[in-house]
Amino acid sequence: MEYESQKNYMTSKPLKDFIYESNNGKDIFFVENEIEPLNMLNKV
């Protein structure tokens, strides 16, 4: 369960805020897994 330990590691408030702000832009997106960006591209 390496993914679970990575997910728990990335829970600091500053990191969450950075990801949130980045995802509100149009150039950089942080996603949960490898499938999510493909789904986003299919919606374009």
N, C-alpha and C. Protein backbone atom coordinates (compact mmCIF):
# COMPACT_ATOMS: atom_id res chain seq x y z
N MET A 1 0.82 -1.20 0.00
CA MET A 1 0.00 0.00 0.00
C MET A 1 0.86 1.26 0.00
N GLU A 2 1.82 1.33 -0.90
CA GLU A 2 2.68 2.49 -0.99
C GLU A 2 1.87 3.75 -1.31
N TYR A 3 0.83 3.61 -2.14
CA TYR A 3 0.00 4.75 -2.52
C TYR A 3 -0.67 5.37 -1.29
N GLU A 4 -1.16 4.54 -0.38
CA GLU A 4 -1.82 5.05 0.82
C GLU A 4 -0.86 5.86 1.68
N SER A 5 0.38 5.41 1.83
CA SER A 5 1.34 6.14 2.64
C SER A 5 1.68 7.47 1.97
N GLN A 6 1.75 7.50 0.65
CA GLN A 6 2.01 8.76 -0.05
C GLN A 6 0.83 9.70 0.13
N LYS A 7 -0.37 9.19 0.10
CA LYS A 7 -1.55 10.02 0.26
C LYS A 7 -1.57 10.64 1.65
N ASN A 8 -1.22 9.89 2.67
CA ASN A 8 -1.19 10.42 4.02
C ASN A 8 -0.09 11.45 4.19
N TYR A 9 0.99 11.31 3.47
CA TYR A 9 2.11 12.24 3.55
C TYR A 9 1.71 13.61 3.01
N MET A 10 0.85 13.62 2.02
CA MET A 10 0.51 14.87 1.35
C MET A 10 -0.78 15.48 1.90
N THR A 11 -0.82 15.70 3.21
CA THR A 11 -2.03 16.25 3.81
C THR A 11 -1.80 17.55 4.55
N SER A 12 -0.64 18.18 4.39
CA SER A 12 -0.40 19.43 5.09
C SER A 12 -1.28 20.54 4.50
N LYS A 13 -1.70 21.46 5.32
CA LYS A 13 -2.56 22.55 4.87
C LYS A 13 -1.88 23.40 3.79
N PRO A 14 -0.62 23.80 3.95
CA PRO A 14 0.01 24.58 2.88
C PRO A 14 0.04 23.84 1.54
N LEU A 15 0.32 22.52 1.58
CA LEU A 15 0.34 21.75 0.34
C LEU A 15 -1.06 21.66 -0.26
N LYS A 16 -2.06 21.41 0.56
CA LYS A 16 -3.44 21.37 0.07
C LYS A 16 -3.83 22.70 -0.56
N ASP A 17 -3.45 23.81 0.09
CA ASP A 17 -3.76 25.14 -0.45
C ASP A 17 -3.07 25.36 -1.79
N PHE A 18 -1.82 24.94 -1.90
CA PHE A 18 -1.07 25.09 -3.16
C PHE A 18 -1.75 24.30 -4.28
N ILE A 19 -2.13 23.07 -3.99
CA ILE A 19 -2.78 22.23 -4.99
C ILE A 19 -4.12 22.82 -5.38
N TYR A 20 -4.87 23.31 -4.40
CA TYR A 20 -6.18 23.92 -4.69
C TYR A 20 -6.02 25.12 -5.62
N GLU A 21 -5.10 26.01 -5.29
CA GLU A 21 -4.87 27.20 -6.11
C GLU A 21 -4.38 26.82 -7.50
N SER A 22 -3.50 25.84 -7.59
CA SER A 22 -2.99 25.40 -8.89
C SER A 22 -4.10 24.82 -9.75
N ASN A 23 -4.99 24.07 -9.14
CA ASN A 23 -6.08 23.44 -9.88
C ASN A 23 -7.12 24.46 -10.35
N ASN A 24 -7.13 25.65 -9.77
CA ASN A 24 -8.05 26.69 -10.22
C ASN A 24 -7.52 27.43 -11.45
N GLY A 25 -6.28 27.21 -11.79
CA GLY A 25 -5.69 27.83 -12.98
C GLY A 25 -5.99 27.02 -14.22
N LYS A 26 -5.25 27.32 -15.29
CA LYS A 26 -5.50 26.64 -16.56
C LYS A 26 -4.29 25.87 -17.07
N ASP A 27 -3.18 25.91 -16.34
CA ASP A 27 -1.94 25.32 -16.85
C ASP A 27 -1.48 24.08 -16.10
N ILE A 28 -1.68 24.03 -14.78
CA ILE A 28 -1.18 22.93 -13.96
C ILE A 28 -2.34 22.32 -13.19
N PHE A 29 -2.41 20.98 -13.19
CA PHE A 29 -3.45 20.28 -12.45
C PHE A 29 -2.83 19.13 -11.67
N PHE A 30 -3.19 19.01 -10.42
CA PHE A 30 -2.77 17.87 -9.60
C PHE A 30 -3.96 16.92 -9.52
N VAL A 31 -3.71 15.64 -9.73
CA VAL A 31 -4.78 14.65 -9.75
C VAL A 31 -4.45 13.50 -8.81
N GLU A 32 -5.46 12.71 -8.50
CA GLU A 32 -5.32 11.59 -7.57
C GLU A 32 -4.61 10.38 -8.18
N ASN A 33 -4.82 10.15 -9.49
CA ASN A 33 -4.27 8.94 -10.11
C ASN A 33 -4.00 9.18 -11.59
N GLU A 34 -3.55 8.15 -12.29
CA GLU A 34 -3.18 8.27 -13.69
C GLU A 34 -4.40 8.34 -14.62
N ILE A 35 -5.54 7.90 -14.18
CA ILE A 35 -6.75 7.86 -15.02
C ILE A 35 -7.43 9.24 -15.08
N GLU A 36 -7.37 9.99 -14.02
CA GLU A 36 -8.08 11.27 -13.94
C GLU A 36 -7.70 12.27 -15.03
N PRO A 37 -6.41 12.43 -15.37
CA PRO A 37 -6.10 13.38 -16.46
C PRO A 37 -6.66 12.93 -17.81
N LEU A 38 -6.73 11.63 -18.03
CA LEU A 38 -7.32 11.14 -19.28
C LEU A 38 -8.80 11.47 -19.33
N ASN A 39 -9.49 11.34 -18.22
CA ASN A 39 -10.90 11.70 -18.17
C ASN A 39 -11.09 13.19 -18.40
N MET A 40 -10.20 14.01 -17.86
CA MET A 40 -10.28 15.47 -18.06
C MET A 40 -10.08 15.81 -19.53
N LEU A 41 -9.14 15.16 -20.19
CA LEU A 41 -8.88 15.43 -21.60
C LEU A 41 -10.05 15.00 -22.48
N ASN A 42 -10.74 13.94 -22.10
CA ASN A 42 -11.88 13.48 -22.88
C ASN A 42 -13.04 14.47 -22.82
N LYS A 43 -13.10 15.32 -21.80
CA LYS A 43 -14.18 16.29 -21.66
C LYS A 43 -13.93 17.54 -22.49
N VAL A 44 -12.71 17.72 -22.97
CA VAL A 44 -12.37 18.93 -23.74
C VAL A 44 -12.87 18.80 -25.15
